Amino acid sequence: MADTPAGAARIRCRVVTPEGMVLDRSADAVVVTAIDGEMGILQNHAPMLAVLGMGPMRVRSGEETQALAVDGGFLQVRRNDVTVLATRAVAAAAIDRAAVDAEERDLGDPPKSGSAREAWGRARAWIRLRRRIAPPPPSAF
């Protein structure tokens, strides 16, 4: 694992949901999905606020990259502090593939129209995002 040179700035990255802290760690780079596309944050980034959409988030520290699924919220960058206040967020390592598969089976067919169809679409997108970033299932060999 590569270390940051002595004295180099590091980013403090926090991801918080209504349920509590999902991530609190030091990082070299953070990539989030904003409503208008992906954005990357490195050390000494200019202060900013952004509205987040549903999508992956990656936090890189040295050679290690941690993935998360984030469903909306806000991002604040200020003095090498990155704070994400998310509606929902889960670390890839915490995703239970079997539970996600069961959730998809329970979702059923889409409603014909209206707000129920929109809610169904968001639920399906959340399922697909978590499945996409979850670690692969263990090999049988």
Protein backbone atom coordinates (compact mmCIF):
# COMPACT_ATOMS: atom_id res chain seq x y z
CA MET A 1 0.00 0.00 0.00
CA ALA A 2 1.43 3.36 -1.02
CA ASP A 3 1.75 5.94 1.72
CA THR A 4 1.13 9.64 1.38
CA PRO A 5 4.40 11.59 1.66
CA ALA A 6 5.02 13.23 5.04
CA GLY A 7 3.27 16.57 5.28
CA ALA A 8 0.97 15.93 2.30
CA ALA A 9 -2.65 16.88 2.74
CA ARG A 10 -5.20 14.11 3.23
CA ILE A 11 -8.94 14.20 2.85
CA ARG A 12 -11.18 13.31 5.78
CA CYS A 13 -14.24 11.58 4.31
CA ARG A 14 -17.46 11.04 6.24
CA VAL A 15 -20.71 9.51 5.01
CA VAL A 16 -23.71 9.95 7.30
CA THR A 17 -27.30 8.72 6.91
CA PRO A 18 -30.31 9.24 9.19
CA GLU A 19 -29.38 5.88 10.77
CA GLY A 20 -25.82 6.97 11.60
CA MET A 21 -22.23 7.04 10.38
CA VAL A 22 -21.51 4.74 7.42
CA LEU A 23 -17.92 5.81 6.78
CA ASP A 24 -15.33 7.95 8.55
CA ARG A 25 -11.81 7.63 7.16
CA SER A 26 -8.82 9.38 5.69
CA ALA A 27 -8.47 9.25 1.90
CA ASP A 28 -6.44 10.43 -1.08
CA ALA A 29 -9.41 10.80 -3.42
CA VAL A 30 -13.21 10.62 -3.35
CA VAL A 31 -15.51 10.10 -6.35
CA VAL A 32 -19.26 10.68 -5.99
CA THR A 33 -22.29 10.63 -8.26
CA ALA A 34 -23.91 14.06 -8.33
CA ILE A 35 -27.23 14.74 -10.06
CA ASP A 36 -25.32 16.07 -13.06
CA GLY A 37 -22.62 13.39 -13.26
CA GLU A 38 -19.58 12.01 -11.46
CA MET A 39 -17.15 14.30 -9.70
CA GLY A 40 -13.80 13.67 -8.13
CA ILE A 41 -12.35 15.37 -5.09
CA LEU A 42 -8.63 15.45 -4.37
CA GLN A 43 -6.65 17.14 -1.61
CA ASN A 44 -7.01 20.93 -1.41
CA HIS A 45 -10.18 20.97 -3.53
CA ALA A 46 -12.03 24.27 -3.60
CA PRO A 47 -14.97 24.51 -1.18
CA MET A 48 -18.22 23.34 -2.75
CA LEU A 49 -21.70 21.95 -2.21
CA ALA A 50 -23.38 19.43 -4.51
CA VAL A 51 -26.66 17.54 -4.71
CA LEU A 52 -26.08 13.80 -5.00
CA GLY A 53 -28.02 11.35 -7.11
CA MET A 54 -28.22 7.59 -6.78
CA GLY A 55 -24.95 5.96 -7.72
CA PRO A 56 -21.63 4.54 -6.63
CA MET A 57 -19.15 6.37 -4.43
CA ARG A 58 -15.48 5.44 -4.30
CA VAL A 59 -13.01 6.38 -1.59
CA ARG A 60 -9.35 5.72 -2.41
CA SER A 61 -6.60 5.54 0.17
CA GLY A 62 -3.26 4.42 -1.20
CA GLU A 63 -3.84 1.29 -3.27
CA GLU A 64 -7.14 0.47 -1.53
CA THR A 65 -10.49 1.64 -2.89
CA GLN A 66 -13.67 1.32 -0.86
CA ALA A 67 -16.97 1.36 -2.75
CA LEU A 68 -20.34 2.48 -1.40
CA ALA A 69 -23.84 2.73 -2.80
CA VAL A 70 -25.38 6.15 -2.16
CA ASP A 71 -28.98 7.15 -2.79
CA GLY A 72 -29.23 10.91 -2.90
CA GLY A 73 -28.23 13.56 -0.45
CA PHE A 74 -25.71 16.37 -0.25
CA LEU A 75 -21.94 16.71 -0.47
CA GLN A 76 -19.89 19.41 1.21
CA VAL A 77 -16.18 19.94 0.56
CA ARG A 78 -14.39 22.27 2.94
CA ARG A 79 -10.71 22.40 3.97
CA ASN A 80 -9.90 18.79 3.02
CA ASP A 81 -13.09 17.57 4.71
CA VAL A 82 -15.63 15.76 2.52
CA THR A 83 -18.98 15.22 4.18
CA VAL A 84 -21.80 13.29 2.52
CA LEU A 85 -25.24 13.53 4.10
CA ALA A 86 -27.06 10.72 2.32
CA THR A 87 -30.65 9.55 2.29
CA ARG A 88 -29.33 5.98 2.13
CA ALA A 89 -25.80 4.60 1.91
CA VAL A 90 -24.18 1.23 2.38
CA ALA A 91 -20.58 0.06 2.05
CA ALA A 92 -20.07 -2.59 -0.62
CA ALA A 93 -18.55 -4.96 1.93
CA ALA A 94 -21.76 -4.78 4.01
CA ILE A 95 -24.06 -5.79 1.13
CA ASP A 96 -25.68 -9.21 1.49
CA ARG A 97 -26.26 -10.47 -2.06
CA ALA A 98 -28.86 -13.01 -0.97
CA ALA A 99 -30.85 -10.30 0.82
CA VAL A 100 -30.68 -8.05 -2.26
CA ASP A 101 -31.86 -10.93 -4.48
CA ALA A 102 -34.77 -11.59 -2.08
CA GLU A 103 -35.63 -7.90 -2.08
CA GLU A 104 -35.81 -7.96 -5.88
CA ARG A 105 -38.08 -11.04 -5.87
CA ASP A 106 -40.36 -9.34 -3.33
CA LEU A 107 -40.51 -6.20 -5.48
CA GLY A 108 -42.67 -7.97 -8.05
CA ASP A 109 -43.91 -6.48 -11.31
CA PRO A 110 -44.06 -2.73 -11.89
CA PRO A 111 -47.35 -0.95 -11.27
CA LYS A 112 -49.15 0.30 -14.37
CA SER A 113 -48.70 4.05 -13.78
CA GLY A 114 -48.41 6.93 -11.38
CA SER A 115 -46.25 7.55 -8.35
CA ALA A 116 -46.28 3.85 -7.41
CA ARG A 117 -44.49 3.06 -10.68
CA GLU A 118 -41.91 5.77 -9.97
CA ALA A 119 -41.31 4.38 -6.45
CA TRP A 120 -40.98 0.88 -7.93
CA GLY A 121 -38.39 2.19 -10.42
CA ARG A 122 -36.33 3.82 -7.65
CA ALA A 123 -36.49 0.64 -5.56
CA ARG A 124 -35.32 -1.42 -8.54
CA ALA A 125 -32.49 1.03 -9.28
CA TRP A 126 -31.34 0.82 -5.62
CA ILE A 127 -31.33 -2.99 -5.84
CA ARG A 128 -29.31 -2.93 -9.09
CA LEU A 129 -26.79 -0.43 -7.70
CA ARG A 130 -26.11 -2.54 -4.62
CA ARG A 131 -25.79 -5.70 -6.71
CA ARG A 132 -23.36 -3.95 -9.06
CA ILE A 133 -20.98 -2.78 -6.32
CA ALA A 134 -21.26 -5.79 -3.98
CA PRO A 135 -18.20 -7.99 -3.74
CA PRO A 136 -18.44 -11.05 -5.98
CA PRO A 137 -19.82 -14.21 -4.38
CA PRO A 138 -17.20 -16.67 -3.16
CA SER A 139 -15.99 -19.11 -5.77
CA ALA A 140 -17.05 -22.75 -5.47
CA PHE A 141 -13.52 -23.82 -6.38
